[in-house]
């Protein structure tokens, strides 16, 4: 039966329109872990009840495993059907840090609090439907960048178009192939990582990134605030977070989602990029430039300049014809 296999059957019915049945059976065998079962000896034809099995001794979790878990990408599942939500969770829990919401309103709140790397959302939900949830997430600056995959049983072209217009990055029909869903999620995450590399490269080399500028107003605001405080040697992460009206942990998460640089490294990179621009103007001494970009000594400026551009400030000036 479906119960023995930990599967489920769902039904969504609309009067005068029809009914949709969905059958879900989880893959693998992890979901049988808590069952009462028998081990059958194929040679003897005898059985051993599970109570005879000796439990494995407790072993502490290795530190590298703890760090690996902390480094997982995060996923938010917004689905009102508890069984479906649990099934989707089972597909990703081994590789992602998974959070759950039972309706769109709760989903928007959790998205703002946790800033997940990706959101999977149902459409037909109580309190707030998936399309409304998607639009609200897109309207908020702190969550606008998060990829959203709409998962629904509504198959009409008008519904798919509505999902796309609400800001969804992808759309998948129920019942779904779990392997296709996992591939779609992985691909959306990889696309976001590619954008992070574009942002980082543009920032490090002081290049314009058309794709990045279209994508993220938050990053542009962050860079503008840092540039406005370049001459302040005491400008730090706390002050940046205050000017952005957010907590430091939120700032760390938002920058991590958008760039390969930490917040501290981003501030430093923008200082050095400005120093490179001033060097090419050939109007100031290295000491003056150091003070203009927030360095109290030229030695530290030269060190960081070498790390970012691979040459000293003097060689940068001589080797660059602009």
Protein backbone atom coordinates (compact mmCIF):
# COMPACT_ATOMS: atom_id res chain seq x y z
CA UNK A 1 0.00 0.00 0.00
CA UNK A 2 0.97 3.66 -0.22
CA UNK A 3 1.40 3.82 3.57
CA UNK A 4 3.99 1.04 3.56
CA UNK A 5 6.03 2.93 0.97
CA UNK A 6 5.57 6.29 2.74
CA UNK A 7 3.88 7.64 -0.35
CA UNK A 8 0.84 9.83 -0.67
CA UNK A 9 -2.01 10.64 -2.99
CA UNK A 10 -3.33 14.20 -3.19
CA UNK A 11 -6.50 15.50 -4.75
CA UNK A 12 -7.33 19.05 -5.76
CA UNK A 13 -10.79 19.49 -7.19
CA UNK A 14 -12.50 22.54 -8.70
CA UNK A 15 -16.30 22.32 -9.18
CA UNK A 16 -17.35 22.13 -12.84
CA UNK A 17 -13.69 22.08 -13.95
CA UNK A 18 -12.31 18.73 -12.87
CA UNK A 19 -10.02 17.02 -10.41
CA UNK A 20 -6.26 16.48 -10.28
CA UNK A 21 -4.78 13.43 -8.56
CA UNK A 22 -1.07 13.38 -7.74
CA UNK A 23 0.82 10.26 -6.66
CA UNK A 24 4.13 10.64 -4.76
CA UNK A 25 6.50 7.79 -3.84
CA UNK A 26 9.87 8.81 -2.32
CA UNK A 27 13.02 7.36 -3.85
CA UNK A 28 15.79 5.62 -1.94
CA UNK A 29 15.33 3.86 1.39
CA UNK A 30 16.13 6.52 4.00
CA UNK A 31 12.41 7.00 4.67
CA UNK A 32 12.20 3.41 6.00
CA UNK A 33 14.69 4.14 8.78
CA UNK A 34 12.11 4.31 11.59
CA UNK A 35 9.98 1.38 10.40
CA UNK A 36 9.65 -1.95 12.13
CA UNK A 37 11.19 -4.39 9.72
CA UNK A 38 12.75 -7.84 9.39
CA UNK A 39 16.13 -8.87 8.03
CA UNK A 40 15.71 -12.08 6.04
CA UNK A 41 18.59 -14.52 5.83
CA UNK A 42 18.34 -15.77 2.25
CA UNK A 43 20.42 -18.85 3.06
CA UNK A 44 18.70 -20.00 6.24
CA UNK A 45 15.22 -18.68 5.59
CA UNK A 46 15.22 -17.30 9.12
CA UNK A 47 14.31 -13.82 10.29
CA UNK A 48 15.79 -11.50 12.85
CA UNK A 49 13.56 -8.88 14.39
CA UNK A 50 14.91 -5.35 14.44
CA UNK A 51 15.04 -5.35 18.24
CA UNK A 52 17.89 -7.87 18.01
CA UNK A 53 20.03 -5.44 16.06
CA UNK A 54 22.64 -3.74 18.22
CA UNK A 55 22.60 0.04 18.03
CA UNK A 56 25.74 1.67 16.75
CA UNK A 57 27.78 3.50 19.38
CA UNK A 58 27.35 7.27 19.49
CA UNK A 59 30.11 9.16 17.71
CA UNK A 60 30.50 12.95 17.80
CA UNK A 61 29.99 14.76 14.50
CA UNK A 62 33.37 15.61 12.95
CA UNK A 63 34.19 19.32 12.82
CA UNK A 64 34.54 19.22 9.02
CA UNK A 65 30.98 17.87 8.77
CA UNK A 66 29.70 20.70 10.95
CA UNK A 67 31.45 23.25 8.72
CA UNK A 68 30.09 21.48 5.63
CA UNK A 69 26.53 21.73 6.98
CA UNK A 70 26.99 25.42 7.82
CA UNK A 71 28.22 26.06 4.28
CA UNK A 72 25.17 24.48 2.62
CA UNK A 73 23.03 26.59 0.36
CA UNK A 74 19.62 27.33 1.88
CA UNK A 75 16.25 26.45 0.41
CA UNK A 76 12.76 27.64 1.42
CA UNK A 77 9.75 25.45 0.58
CA UNK A 78 6.36 27.23 0.62
CA UNK A 79 3.61 24.59 0.39
CA UNK A 80 0.33 24.22 2.31
CA UNK A 81 0.09 20.43 1.91
CA UNK A 82 2.19 19.00 4.72
CA UNK A 83 2.80 15.65 2.98
CA UNK A 84 3.93 17.27 -0.27
CA UNK A 85 6.08 19.74 1.66
CA UNK A 86 7.75 16.89 3.54
CA UNK A 87 8.32 14.97 0.31
CA UNK A 88 10.00 17.96 -1.36
CA UNK A 89 12.08 18.45 1.78
CA UNK A 90 13.26 14.83 1.59
CA UNK A 91 14.61 15.46 -1.92
CA UNK A 92 16.92 18.28 -0.81
CA UNK A 93 17.70 17.86 2.88
CA UNK A 94 20.96 15.98 2.25
CA UNK A 95 22.45 18.84 0.20
CA UNK A 96 20.61 21.98 1.30
CA UNK A 97 19.64 23.65 4.55
CA UNK A 98 15.84 23.50 4.19
CA UNK A 99 13.23 25.80 5.78
CA UNK A 100 9.47 25.42 5.38
CA UNK A 101 6.37 27.63 5.28
CA UNK A 102 2.73 26.49 5.11
CA UNK A 103 1.33 29.54 3.28
CA UNK A 104 2.43 32.54 1.26
CA UNK A 105 2.30 35.02 4.12
CA UNK A 106 4.56 32.90 6.28
CA UNK A 107 6.77 32.32 3.25
CA UNK A 108 7.32 36.06 2.68
CA UNK A 109 8.16 36.53 6.36
CA UNK A 110 10.67 33.67 6.44
CA UNK A 111 12.22 34.82 3.15
CA UNK A 112 12.89 38.27 4.66
CA UNK A 113 14.26 36.80 7.90
CA UNK A 114 16.47 34.06 6.47
CA UNK A 115 17.28 35.24 2.91
CA UNK A 116 17.37 31.71 1.42
CA UNK A 117 19.40 30.98 -1.69
CA UNK A 118 16.29 29.69 -3.50
CA UNK A 119 12.53 29.41 -2.97
CA UNK A 120 10.17 26.66 -4.15
CA UNK A 121 6.55 27.81 -3.89
CA UNK A 122 3.15 26.26 -4.51
CA UNK A 123 0.44 28.46 -6.04
CA UNK A 124 -2.89 27.48 -4.49
CA UNK A 125 -2.47 28.19 -0.76
CA UNK A 126 -4.53 29.74 2.04
CA UNK A 127 -3.90 33.23 3.45
CA UNK A 128 -1.73 34.28 0.50
CA UNK A 129 -1.31 32.44 -2.81
CA UNK A 130 2.00 31.71 -4.49
CA UNK A 131 1.70 34.39 -7.17
CA UNK A 132 1.10 37.11 -4.57
CA UNK A 133 3.93 35.71 -2.46
CA UNK A 134 6.26 35.83 -5.46
CA UNK A 135 5.36 39.44 -6.29
CA UNK A 136 5.91 40.60 -2.71
CA UNK A 137 9.30 38.90 -2.54
CA UNK A 138 10.30 40.61 -5.79
CA UNK A 139 9.14 44.02 -4.50
CA UNK A 140 11.32 43.89 -1.38
CA UNK A 141 14.91 44.99 -1.98
CA UNK A 142 16.33 42.52 0.52
CA UNK A 143 14.66 39.53 -1.18
CA UNK A 144 14.32 40.67 -4.82
CA UNK A 145 17.41 38.73 -5.93
CA UNK A 146 16.29 35.30 -4.62
CA UNK A 147 15.48 32.77 -7.39
CA UNK A 148 11.90 31.45 -7.21
CA UNK A 149 10.60 28.21 -8.71
CA UNK A 150 6.80 27.96 -8.94
CA UNK A 151 5.43 24.43 -8.43
CA UNK A 152 1.75 23.98 -9.25
CA UNK A 153 -0.99 21.76 -10.68
CA UNK A 154 -2.46 24.64 -12.73
CA UNK A 155 -1.53 23.85 -16.32
CA UNK A 156 -3.32 26.53 -18.35
CA UNK A 157 -1.18 28.92 -20.41
CA UNK A 158 -2.74 31.85 -18.56
CA UNK A 159 -1.56 30.41 -15.23
CA UNK A 160 1.97 29.87 -16.52
CA UNK A 161 2.02 33.42 -17.90
CA UNK A 162 0.79 34.76 -14.56
CA UNK A 163 3.57 32.90 -12.79
CA UNK A 164 6.20 34.39 -15.09
CA UNK A 165 4.73 37.88 -14.72
CA UNK A 166 4.81 37.56 -10.93
CA UNK A 167 8.60 37.30 -11.09
CA UNK A 168 9.18 33.54 -10.97
CA UNK A 169 12.44 32.28 -12.47
CA UNK A 170 11.05 28.88 -13.41
CA UNK A 171 7.74 27.02 -13.48
CA UNK A 172 7.11 23.28 -12.97
CA UNK A 173 3.94 21.23 -13.12
CA UNK A 174 2.57 18.79 -10.53
CA UNK A 175 2.90 15.85 -10.40
CA UNK A 176 6.60 16.39 -11.00
CA UNK A 177 9.63 14.26 -11.75
CA UNK A 178 11.87 14.59 -8.66
CA UNK A 179 15.07 14.37 -10.71
CA UNK A 180 13.94 17.20 -12.99
CA UNK A 181 13.01 19.31 -9.96
CA UNK A 182 16.41 18.73 -8.37
CA UNK A 183 18.16 19.59 -11.62
CA UNK A 184 16.16 22.82 -12.00
CA UNK A 185 17.02 23.86 -8.45
CA UNK A 186 20.71 23.08 -8.92
CA UNK A 187 20.79 25.03 -12.19
CA UNK A 188 19.16 28.10 -10.64
CA UNK A 189 21.72 28.01 -7.83
CA UNK A 190 24.56 27.72 -10.36
CA UNK A 191 23.20 30.69 -12.32
CA UNK A 192 23.21 32.75 -9.13
CA UNK A 193 26.81 31.71 -8.45
CA UNK A 194 27.74 32.86 -11.95
CA UNK A 195 26.24 36.29 -11.24
CA UNK A 196 28.25 36.45 -8.02
CA UNK A 197 31.44 35.90 -9.99
CA UNK A 198 30.42 38.63 -12.45
CA UNK A 199 29.84 41.09 -9.58
CA UNK A 200 33.13 40.19 -7.94
CA UNK A 201 35.19 40.45 -11.13
CA UNK A 202 33.61 43.78 -12.06
CA UNK A 203 34.30 45.12 -8.59
CA UNK A 204 37.88 43.88 -8.40
CA UNK A 205 38.77 45.21 -11.86
CA UNK A 206 36.60 48.33 -11.62
CA UNK A 207 34.64 47.33 -14.72
CA UNK A 208 31.05 48.06 -15.57
CA UNK A 209 28.85 44.97 -15.39
CA UNK A 210 25.69 45.50 -17.40
CA UNK A 211 24.24 42.18 -16.26
CA UNK A 212 25.04 42.94 -12.62
CA UNK A 213 23.63 46.46 -12.73
CA UNK A 214 20.34 45.26 -14.15
CA UNK A 215 20.15 42.50 -11.58
CA UNK A 216 20.83 44.13 -8.24
CA UNK A 217 19.99 47.59 -6.93
CA UNK A 218 21.15 46.59 -3.43
CA UNK A 219 24.73 46.01 -4.54
CA UNK A 220 24.78 49.38 -6.31
CA UNK A 221 23.49 51.11 -3.16
CA UNK A 222 26.11 49.35 -1.04
CA UNK A 223 28.93 50.41 -3.37
CA UNK A 224 27.64 54.00 -3.42
CA UNK A 225 27.69 54.20 0.40
CA UNK A 226 31.21 52.78 0.59
CA UNK A 227 32.46 55.21 -2.06
CA UNK A 228 30.89 58.12 -0.17
CA UNK A 229 32.92 57.15 2.93
CA UNK A 230 36.25 56.27 1.31
CA UNK A 231 38.27 58.98 3.05
CA UNK A 232 37.03 57.84 6.47
CA UNK A 233 39.67 55.38 7.72
CA UNK A 234 37.32 54.32 10.54
CA UNK A 235 34.45 53.34 8.22
CA UNK A 236 33.59 49.71 8.99
CA UNK A 237 30.95 47.00 8.60
CA UNK A 238 28.87 48.28 11.52
CA UNK A 239 28.63 51.77 10.02
CA UNK A 240 27.79 50.34 6.60
CA UNK A 241 24.99 48.21 8.07
CA UNK A 242 23.57 51.23 9.91
CA UNK A 243 23.47 53.31 6.72
CA UNK A 244 21.71 50.43 4.95
CA UNK A 245 19.22 50.17 7.85
CA UNK A 246 19.89 46.49 8.49
CA UNK A 247 21.66 44.29 11.02
CA UNK A 248 25.23 43.15 10.45
CA UNK A 249 24.21 39.45 10.11
CA UNK A 250 21.68 40.41 7.42
CA UNK A 251 24.33 42.46 5.62
CA UNK A 252 26.77 39.54 5.73
CA UNK A 253 24.16 37.17 4.27
CA UNK A 254 23.09 39.56 1.52
CA UNK A 255 26.66 40.23 0.40
CA UNK A 256 27.54 36.54 0.54
CA UNK A 257 24.62 35.76 -1.77
CA UNK A 258 25.78 38.35 -4.31
CA UNK A 259 29.57 38.25 -4.24
CA UNK A 260 32.53 35.99 -3.55
CA UNK A 261 33.91 38.79 -1.36
CA UNK A 262 33.22 39.27 2.33
CA UNK A 263 31.91 42.68 3.45
CA UNK A 264 35.35 43.67 4.74
CA UNK A 265 37.03 42.57 1.51
CA UNK A 266 34.43 44.46 -0.51
CA UNK A 267 35.14 47.70 1.37
CA UNK A 268 38.86 47.15 0.84
CA UNK A 269 38.43 46.32 -2.85
CA UNK A 270 36.45 49.51 -3.48
CA UNK A 271 39.12 51.56 -1.68
CA UNK A 272 41.86 50.01 -3.83
CA UNK A 273 39.86 50.43 -7.05
CA UNK A 274 39.43 54.12 -6.27
CA UNK A 275 43.15 54.38 -5.56
CA UNK A 276 43.87 52.90 -9.00
CA UNK A 277 41.63 55.52 -10.61
CA UNK A 278 43.40 58.34 -8.75
CA UNK A 279 46.84 56.97 -9.68
CA UNK A 280 45.94 57.12 -13.37
CA UNK A 281 44.95 60.78 -13.01
CA UNK A 282 48.61 61.50 -12.16
CA UNK A 283 47.65 64.45 -9.94
CA UNK A 284 48.37 63.13 -6.44
CA UNK A 285 51.20 61.52 -4.53
CA UNK A 286 50.82 58.00 -3.12
CA UNK A 287 50.59 59.52 0.37
CA UNK A 288 47.74 61.80 -0.71
CA UNK A 289 45.94 58.94 -2.44
CA UNK A 290 46.31 56.77 0.67
CA UNK A 291 44.55 59.41 2.76
CA UNK A 292 41.85 59.97 0.12
CA UNK A 293 40.87 56.28 0.15
CA UNK A 294 41.04 55.77 3.92
CA UNK A 295 44.55 54.37 4.47
CA UNK A 296 46.66 55.83 7.26
CA UNK A 297 49.92 54.58 5.74
CA UNK A 298 51.20 53.93 2.23
CA UNK A 299 52.75 50.58 3.15
CA UNK A 300 49.36 48.95 3.75
CA UNK A 301 47.95 50.55 0.60
CA UNK A 302 50.81 49.12 -1.50
CA UNK A 303 50.31 45.67 0.04
CA UNK A 304 46.58 45.59 -0.71
CA UNK A 305 47.13 47.09 -4.16
CA UNK A 306 49.56 44.29 -5.03
CA UNK A 307 47.07 41.68 -3.80
CA UNK A 308 44.29 43.06 -6.00
CA UNK A 309 46.10 44.10 -9.18
CA UNK A 310 49.27 42.00 -9.06
CA UNK A 311 51.57 45.03 -9.45
CA UNK A 312 52.71 47.92 -7.29
CA UNK A 313 51.03 51.34 -7.64
CA UNK A 314 54.07 52.75 -9.46
CA UNK A 315 54.21 49.88 -11.96
CA UNK A 316 50.45 50.12 -12.43
CA UNK A 317 50.83 53.75 -13.46
CA UNK A 318 53.68 52.97 -15.85
CA UNK A 319 52.16 49.87 -17.47
CA UNK A 320 48.64 51.20 -18.03
CA UNK A 321 48.03 53.52 -20.95
CA UNK A 322 44.57 54.98 -20.60
